[in-house]
């Protein structure tokens, strides 16, 4: 079974957009970017679209996105 580690990115613009997400998370065969959050809503939507993730509206929503989608508990 191929299980992916689901990541949530806080502060998705800047370094995360240029380096962390594409070179770390997106490049890892066992990882998937589930949701991102940035205080700049425009940057947040753009990064989410660029990497196929959900654009969360809060830090809490980023951490709980997969739990809400699947019904499985996630520690915050």
PDB file of N, CA and C in Angstrom:
ATOM      1  N   UNK A   1       0.840  -1.174   0.000  1.00  0.00           N
ATOM      2  CA  UNK A   1       0.000   0.000   0.000  1.00  0.00           C
ATOM      3  C   UNK A   1       0.885   1.236   0.000  1.00  0.00           C
ATOM      4  N   UNK A   2       0.520   2.205  -0.788  1.00  0.00           N
ATOM      5  CA  UNK A   2       1.278   3.447  -0.895  1.00  0.00           C
ATOM      6  C   UNK A   2       0.564   4.550  -0.120  1.00  0.00           C
ATOM      7  N   UNK A   3       1.008   4.805   1.100  1.00  0.00           N
ATOM      8  CA  UNK A   3       0.406   5.835   1.945  1.00  0.00           C
ATOM      9  C   UNK A   3       1.226   7.113   1.844  1.00  0.00           C
ATOM     10  N   UNK A   4       0.532   8.228   1.564  1.00  0.00           N
ATOM     11  CA  UNK A   4       1.201   9.520   1.470  1.00  0.00           C
ATOM     12  C   UNK A   4       1.088  10.274   2.787  1.00  0.00           C
ATOM     13  N   UNK A   5       2.159  10.944   3.164  1.00  0.00           N
ATOM     14  CA  UNK A   5       2.128  11.854   4.303  1.00  0.00           C
ATOM     15  C   UNK A   5       1.504  13.138   3.782  1.00  0.00           C
ATOM     16  N   UNK A   6       0.450  13.595   4.437  1.00  0.00           N
ATOM     17  CA  UNK A   6      -0.249  14.804   4.002  1.00  0.00           C
ATOM     18  C   UNK A   6       0.274  15.994   4.792  1.00  0.00           C
ATOM     19  N   UNK A   7       0.689  17.031   4.073  1.00  0.00           N
ATOM     20  CA  UNK A   7       1.292  18.215   4.675  1.00  0.00           C
ATOM     21  C   UNK A   7       0.352  19.407   4.560  1.00  0.00           C
ATOM     22  N   UNK A   8       0.449  20.291   5.540  1.00  0.00           N
ATOM     23  CA  UNK A   8      -0.212  21.584   5.497  1.00  0.00           C
ATOM     24  C   UNK A   8       0.861  22.645   5.612  1.00  0.00           C
ATOM     25  N   UNK A   9       0.818  23.636   4.748  1.00  0.00           N
ATOM     26  CA  UNK A   9       1.841  24.685   4.766  1.00  0.00           C
ATOM     27  C   UNK A   9       1.309  25.979   5.354  1.00  0.00           C
ATOM     28  N   UNK A  10       1.972  26.486   6.386  1.00  0.00           N
ATOM     29  CA  UNK A  10       1.616  27.764   6.990  1.00  0.00           C
ATOM     30  C   UNK A  10       2.629  28.791   6.537  1.00  0.00           C
ATOM     31  N   UNK A  11       2.149  29.916   6.020  1.00  0.00           N
ATOM     32  CA  UNK A  11       3.059  30.894   5.432  1.00  0.00           C
ATOM     33  C   UNK A  11       3.500  30.386   4.075  1.00  0.00           C
ATOM     34  N   UNK A  12       2.535  30.210   3.176  1.00  0.00           N
ATOM     35  CA  UNK A  12       2.798  29.506   1.920  1.00  0.00           C
ATOM     36  C   UNK A  12       3.516  30.333   0.854  1.00  0.00           C
ATOM     37  N   UNK A  13       3.622  31.633   1.046  1.00  0.00           N
ATOM     38  CA  UNK A  13       4.346  32.458   0.074  1.00  0.00           C
ATOM     39  C   UNK A  13       5.844  32.432   0.345  1.00  0.00           C
ATOM     40  N   UNK A  14       6.587  33.238  -0.348  1.00  0.00           N
ATOM     41  CA  UNK A  14       8.024  33.394  -0.090  1.00  0.00           C
ATOM     42  C   UNK A  14       8.831  32.126  -0.239  1.00  0.00           C
ATOM     43  N   UNK A  15       9.607  31.821   0.790  1.00  0.00           N
ATOM     44  CA  UNK A  15      10.513  30.668   0.759  1.00  0.00           C
ATOM     45  C   UNK A  15       9.747  29.359   0.562  1.00  0.00           C
ATOM     46  N   UNK A  16       8.596  29.235   1.199  1.00  0.00           N
ATOM     47  CA  UNK A  16       7.815  27.995   1.048  1.00  0.00           C
ATOM     48  C   UNK A  16       7.429  27.773  -0.413  1.00  0.00           C
ATOM     49  N   UNK A  17       7.015  28.837  -1.073  1.00  0.00           N
ATOM     50  CA  UNK A  17       6.585  28.720  -2.475  1.00  0.00           C
ATOM     51  C   UNK A  17       7.761  28.455  -3.407  1.00  0.00           C
ATOM     52  N   UNK A  18       8.890  29.097  -3.137  1.00  0.00           N
ATOM     53  CA  UNK A  18      10.059  28.956  -4.025  1.00  0.00           C
ATOM     54  C   UNK A  18      10.883  27.713  -3.745  1.00  0.00           C
ATOM     55  N   UNK A  19      10.953  27.267  -2.491  1.00  0.00           N
ATOM     56  CA  UNK A  19      11.885  26.189  -2.158  1.00  0.00           C
ATOM     57  C   UNK A  19      11.237  25.005  -1.438  1.00  0.00           C
ATOM     58  N   UNK A  20      10.614  25.267  -0.280  1.00  0.00           N
ATOM     59  CA  UNK A  20      10.141  24.176   0.573  1.00  0.00           C
ATOM     60  C   UNK A  20       9.119  23.280  -0.115  1.00  0.00           C
ATOM     61  N   UNK A  21       8.101  23.884  -0.711  1.00  0.00           N
ATOM     62  CA  UNK A  21       7.052  23.070  -1.340  1.00  0.00           C
ATOM     63  C   UNK A  21       7.570  22.357  -2.588  1.00  0.00           C
ATOM     64  N   UNK A  22       8.156  23.063  -3.557  1.00  0.00           N
ATOM     65  CA  UNK A  22       8.567  22.336  -4.770  1.00  0.00           C
ATOM     66  C   UNK A  22       9.752  21.399  -4.570  1.00  0.00           C
ATOM     67  N   UNK A  23      10.711  21.779  -3.742  1.00  0.00           N
ATOM     68  CA  UNK A  23      11.917  20.954  -3.581  1.00  0.00           C
ATOM     69  C   UNK A  23      11.787  19.893  -2.504  1.00  0.00           C
ATOM     70  N   UNK A  24      10.883  20.097  -1.568  1.00  0.00           N
ATOM     71  CA  UNK A  24      10.729  19.147  -0.471  1.00  0.00           C
ATOM     72  C   UNK A  24       9.467  18.324  -0.584  1.00  0.00           C
ATOM     73  N   UNK A  25       8.341  18.976  -0.369  1.00  0.00           N
ATOM     74  CA  UNK A  25       7.067  18.253  -0.320  1.00  0.00           C
ATOM     75  C   UNK A  25       6.678  17.686  -1.684  1.00  0.00           C
ATOM     76  N   UNK A  26       6.623  18.522  -2.702  1.00  0.00           N
ATOM     77  CA  UNK A  26       6.186  18.064  -4.028  1.00  0.00           C
ATOM     78  C   UNK A  26       7.142  17.039  -4.635  1.00  0.00           C
ATOM     79  N   UNK A  27       8.404  17.132  -4.304  1.00  0.00           N
ATOM     80  CA  UNK A  27       9.393  16.218  -4.876  1.00  0.00           C
ATOM     81  C   UNK A  27       9.426  14.858  -4.182  1.00  0.00           C
ATOM     82  N   UNK A  28       8.885  14.781  -2.980  1.00  0.00           N
ATOM     83  CA  UNK A  28       8.925  13.522  -2.225  1.00  0.00           C
ATOM     84  C   UNK A  28       7.859  12.562  -2.747  1.00  0.00           C
ATOM     85  N   UNK A  29       8.231  11.340  -3.059  1.00  0.00           N
ATOM     86  CA  UNK A  29       7.268  10.394  -3.621  1.00  0.00           C
ATOM     87  C   UNK A  29       6.188   9.957  -2.634  1.00  0.00           C
ATOM     88  N   UNK A  30       6.432  10.126  -1.336  1.00  0.00           N
ATOM     89  CA  UNK A  30       5.457   9.690  -0.331  1.00  0.00           C
ATOM     90  C   UNK A  30       4.762  10.861   0.364  1.00  0.00           C
ATOM     91  N   UNK A  31       4.774  12.053  -0.237  1.00  0.00           N
ATOM     92  CA  UNK A  31       4.172  13.229   0.384  1.00  0.00           C
ATOM     93  C   UNK A  31       3.147  13.867  -0.546  1.00  0.00           C
ATOM     94  N   UNK A  32       2.167  14.537   0.077  1.00  0.00           N
ATOM     95  CA  UNK A  32       1.162  15.278  -0.679  1.00  0.00           C
ATOM     96  C   UNK A  32       0.835  16.550   0.089  1.00  0.00           C
ATOM     97  N   UNK A  33       0.818  17.679  -0.597  1.00  0.00           N
ATOM     98  CA  UNK A  33       0.443  18.943   0.020  1.00  0.00           C
ATOM     99  C   UNK A  33      -1.081  19.002   0.044  1.00  0.00           C
ATOM    100  N   UNK A  34      -1.665  18.931   1.239  1.00  0.00           N
ATOM    101  CA  UNK A  34      -3.120  18.884   1.373  1.00  0.00           C
ATOM    102  C   UNK A  34      -3.729  20.278   1.425  1.00  0.00           C
ATOM    103  N   UNK A  35      -3.112  21.197   2.176  1.00  0.00           N
ATOM    104  CA  UNK A  35      -3.689  22.534   2.346  1.00  0.00           C
ATOM    105  C   UNK A  35      -2.586  23.532   2.658  1.00  0.00           C
ATOM    106  N   UNK A  36      -2.835  24.784   2.312  1.00  0.00           N
ATOM    107  CA  UNK A  36      -1.894  25.860   2.623  1.00  0.00           C
ATOM    108  C   UNK A  36      -2.651  27.044   3.222  1.00  0.00           C
ATOM    109  N   UNK A  37      -1.928  27.856   3.993  1.00  0.00           N
ATOM    110  CA  UNK A  37      -2.493  29.088   4.542  1.00  0.00           C
ATOM    111  C   UNK A  37      -1.434  30.177   4.519  1.00  0.00           C
ATOM    112  N   UNK A  38      -1.845  31.366   4.132  1.00  0.00           N
ATOM    113  CA  UNK A  38      -0.994  32.550   4.194  1.00  0.00           C
ATOM    114  C   UNK A  38      -1.890  33.728   4.559  1.00  0.00           C
ATOM    115  N   UNK A  39      -1.356  34.698   5.295  1.00  0.00           N
ATOM    116  CA  UNK A  39      -2.167  35.859   5.666  1.00  0.00           C
ATOM    117  C   UNK A  39      -2.570  36.672   4.446  1.00  0.00           C
ATOM    118  N   UNK A  40      -1.816  36.577   3.362  1.00  0.00           N
ATOM    119  CA  UNK A  40      -2.167  37.237   2.107  1.00  0.00           C
ATOM    120  C   UNK A  40      -3.050  36.273   1.312  1.00  0.00           C
ATOM    121  N   UNK A  41      -4.354  36.544   1.283  1.00  0.00           N
ATOM    122  CA  UNK A  41      -5.310  35.631   0.655  1.00  0.00           C
ATOM    123  C   UNK A  41      -5.014  35.388  -0.823  1.00  0.00           C
ATOM    124  N   UNK A  42      -4.534  36.404  -1.530  1.00  0.00           N
ATOM    125  CA  UNK A  42      -4.200  36.237  -2.944  1.00  0.00           C
ATOM    126  C   UNK A  42      -3.045  35.286  -3.148  1.00  0.00           C
ATOM    127  N   UNK A  43      -2.004  35.442  -2.347  1.00  0.00           N
ATOM    128  CA  UNK A  43      -0.854  34.535  -2.407  1.00  0.00           C
ATOM    129  C   UNK A  43      -1.308  33.127  -2.041  1.00  0.00           C
ATOM    130  N   UNK A  44      -2.137  33.024  -1.020  1.00  0.00           N
ATOM    131  CA  UNK A  44      -2.612  31.720  -0.578  1.00  0.00           C
ATOM    132  C   UNK A  44      -3.361  30.984  -1.691  1.00  0.00           C
ATOM    133  N   UNK A  45      -4.274  31.676  -2.356  1.00  0.00           N
ATOM    134  CA  UNK A  45      -5.015  31.046  -3.459  1.00  0.00           C
ATOM    135  C   UNK A  45      -4.087  30.651  -4.606  1.00  0.00           C
ATOM    136  N   UNK A  46      -3.122  31.504  -4.913  1.00  0.00           N
ATOM    137  CA  UNK A  46      -2.196  31.217  -6.014  1.00  0.00           C
ATOM    138  C   UNK A  46      -1.323  30.002  -5.714  1.00  0.00           C
ATOM    139  N   UNK A  47      -0.799  29.922  -4.501  1.00  0.00           N
ATOM    140  CA  UNK A  47       0.050  28.779  -4.125  1.00  0.00           C
ATOM    141  C   UNK A  47      -0.781  27.495  -4.113  1.00  0.00           C
ATOM    142  N   UNK A  48      -1.986  27.570  -3.578  1.00  0.00           N
ATOM    143  CA  UNK A  48      -2.861  26.390  -3.557  1.00  0.00           C
ATOM    144  C   UNK A  48      -3.114  25.891  -4.974  1.00  0.00           C
ATOM    145  N   UNK A  49      -3.428  26.796  -5.884  1.00  0.00           N
ATOM    146  CA  UNK A  49      -3.676  26.412  -7.280  1.00  0.00           C
ATOM    147  C   UNK A  49      -2.418  25.856  -7.941  1.00  0.00           C
ATOM    148  N   UNK A  50      -1.284  26.478  -7.675  1.00  0.00           N
ATOM    149  CA  UNK A  50      -0.021  26.058  -8.284  1.00  0.00           C
ATOM    150  C   UNK A  50       0.341  24.629  -7.902  1.00  0.00           C
ATOM    151  N   UNK A  51       0.056  24.241  -6.647  1.00  0.00           N
ATOM    152  CA  UNK A  51       0.491  22.932  -6.159  1.00  0.00           C
ATOM    153  C   UNK A  51      -0.658  21.956  -5.913  1.00  0.00           C
ATOM    154  N   UNK A  52      -1.873  22.305  -6.344  1.00  0.00           N
ATOM    155  CA  UNK A  52      -3.004  21.384  -6.228  1.00  0.00           C
ATOM    156  C   UNK A  52      -3.449  21.115  -4.808  1.00  0.00           C
ATOM    157  N   UNK A  53      -3.385  22.122  -3.950  1.00  0.00           N
ATOM    158  CA  UNK A  53      -3.786  21.976  -2.550  1.00  0.00           C
ATOM    159  C   UNK A  53      -5.030  22.819  -2.277  1.00  0.00           C
ATOM    160  N   UNK A  54      -5.620  22.617  -1.128  1.00  0.00           N
ATOM    161  CA  UNK A  54      -6.747  23.449  -0.698  1.00  0.00           C
ATOM    162  C   UNK A  54      -6.196  24.760  -0.140  1.00  0.00           C
ATOM    163  N   UNK A  55      -6.908  25.850  -0.391  1.00  0.00           N
ATOM    164  CA  UNK A  55      -6.544  27.153   0.176  1.00  0.00           C
ATOM    165  C   UNK A  55      -7.334  27.333   1.457  1.00  0.00           C
ATOM    166  N   UNK A  56      -6.705  27.077   2.599  1.00  0.00           N
ATOM    167  CA  UNK A  56      -7.375  27.178   3.888  1.00  0.00           C
ATOM    168  C   UNK A  56      -7.607  28.637   4.262  1.00  0.00           C
ATOM    169  N   UNK A  57      -8.642  28.882   5.051  1.00  0.00           N
ATOM    170  CA  UNK A  57      -8.977  30.234   5.464  1.00  0.00           C
ATOM    171  C   UNK A  57      -8.417  30.595   6.835  1.00  0.00           C
ATOM    172  N   UNK A  58      -7.816  29.623   7.535  1.00  0.00           N
ATOM    173  CA  UNK A  58      -7.228  29.875   8.844  1.00  0.00           C
ATOM    174  C   UNK A  58      -6.158  28.832   9.137  1.00  0.00           C
ATOM    175  N   UNK A  59      -5.355  29.093  10.151  1.00  0.00           N
ATOM    176  CA  UNK A  59      -4.342  28.127  10.574  1.00  0.00           C
ATOM    177  C   UNK A  59      -5.030  26.837  11.021  1.00  0.00           C
ATOM    178  N   UNK A  60      -6.115  26.979  11.773  1.00  0.00           N
ATOM    179  CA  UNK A  60      -6.826  25.805  12.270  1.00  0.00           C
ATOM    180  C   UNK A  60      -7.394  24.973  11.118  1.00  0.00           C
ATOM    181  N   UNK A  61      -7.927  25.628  10.111  1.00  0.00           N
ATOM    182  CA  UNK A  61      -8.470  24.894   8.974  1.00  0.00           C
ATOM    183  C   UNK A  61      -7.364  24.144   8.236  1.00  0.00           C
ATOM    184  N   UNK A  62      -6.181  24.740   8.146  1.00  0.00           N
ATOM    185  CA  UNK A  62      -5.054  24.060   7.509  1.00  0.00           C
ATOM    186  C   UNK A  62      -4.733  22.772   8.245  1.00  0.00           C
ATOM    187  N   UNK A  63      -4.647  22.844   9.554  1.00  0.00           N
ATOM    188  CA  UNK A  63      -4.296  21.678  10.365  1.00  0.00           C
ATOM    189  C   UNK A  63      -5.380  20.619  10.350  1.00  0.00           C
ATOM    190  N   UNK A  64      -6.623  21.019  10.195  1.00  0.00           N
ATOM    191  CA  UNK A  64      -7.742  20.080  10.274  1.00  0.00           C
ATOM    192  C   UNK A  64      -8.331  19.718   8.920  1.00  0.00           C
ATOM    193  N   UNK A  65      -7.773  20.193   7.831  1.00  0.00           N
ATOM    194  CA  UNK A  65      -8.363  19.980   6.514  1.00  0.00           C
ATOM    195  C   UNK A  65      -8.590  18.501   6.223  1.00  0.00           C
ATOM    196  N   UNK A  66      -7.599  17.694   6.419  1.00  0.00           N
ATOM    197  CA  UNK A  66      -7.735  16.275   6.092  1.00  0.00           C
ATOM    198  C   UNK A  66      -8.727  15.595   7.020  1.00  0.00           C
ATOM    199  N   UNK A  67      -8.761  16.007   8.276  1.00  0.00           N
ATOM    200  CA  UNK A  67      -9.723  15.435   9.209  1.00  0.00           C
ATOM    201  C   UNK A  67     -11.150  15.741   8.779  1.00  0.00           C
ATOM    202  N   UNK A  68     -11.408  16.966   8.386  1.00  0.00           N
ATOM    203  CA  UNK A  68     -12.747  17.353   7.946  1.00  0.00           C
ATOM    204  C   UNK A  68     -13.136  16.632   6.662  1.00  0.00           C
ATOM    205  N   UNK A  69     -12.167  16.408   5.794  1.00  0.00           N
ATOM    206  CA  UNK A  69     -12.449  15.773   4.506  1.00  0.00           C
ATOM    207  C   UNK A  69     -12.698  14.275   4.659  1.00  0.00           C
ATOM    208  N   UNK A  70     -11.943  13.635   5.565  1.00  0.00           N
ATOM    209  CA  UNK A  70     -12.029  12.174   5.664  1.00  0.00           C
ATOM    210  C   UNK A  70     -12.781  11.676   6.889  1.00  0.00           C
ATOM    211  N   UNK A  71     -12.975  12.545   7.885  1.00  0.00           N
ATOM    212  CA  UNK A  71     -13.613  12.124   9.120  1.00  0.00           C
ATOM    213  C   UNK A  71     -12.660  11.483  10.109  1.00  0.00           C
ATOM    214  N   UNK A  72     -11.363  11.445   9.777  1.00  0.00           N
ATOM    215  CA  UNK A  72     -10.376  10.882  10.693  1.00  0.00           C
ATOM    216  C   UNK A  72      -9.783  11.996  11.551  1.00  0.00           C
ATOM    217  N   UNK A  73      -9.515  11.694  12.812  1.00  0.00           N
ATOM    218  CA  UNK A  73      -8.990  12.675  13.754  1.00  0.00           C
ATOM    219  C   UNK A  73      -7.567  13.094  13.397  1.00  0.00           C
ATOM    220  N   UNK A  74      -7.276  14.376  13.615  1.00  0.00           N
ATOM    221  CA  UNK A  74      -5.934  14.926  13.424  1.00  0.00           C
ATOM    222  C   UNK A  74      -5.594  15.734  14.659  1.00  0.00           C
ATOM    223  N   UNK A  75      -4.457  15.489  15.279  1.00  0.00           N
ATOM    224  CA  UNK A  75      -4.038  16.271  16.424  1.00  0.00           C
ATOM    225  C   UNK A  75      -3.565  17.644  15.969  1.00  0.00           C
ATOM    226  N   UNK A  76      -4.017  18.683  16.671  1.00  0.00           N
ATOM    227  CA  UNK A  76      -3.634  20.053  16.332  1.00  0.00           C
ATOM    228  C   UNK A  76      -2.769  20.604  17.439  1.00  0.00           C
TER     229      UNK A  76
END
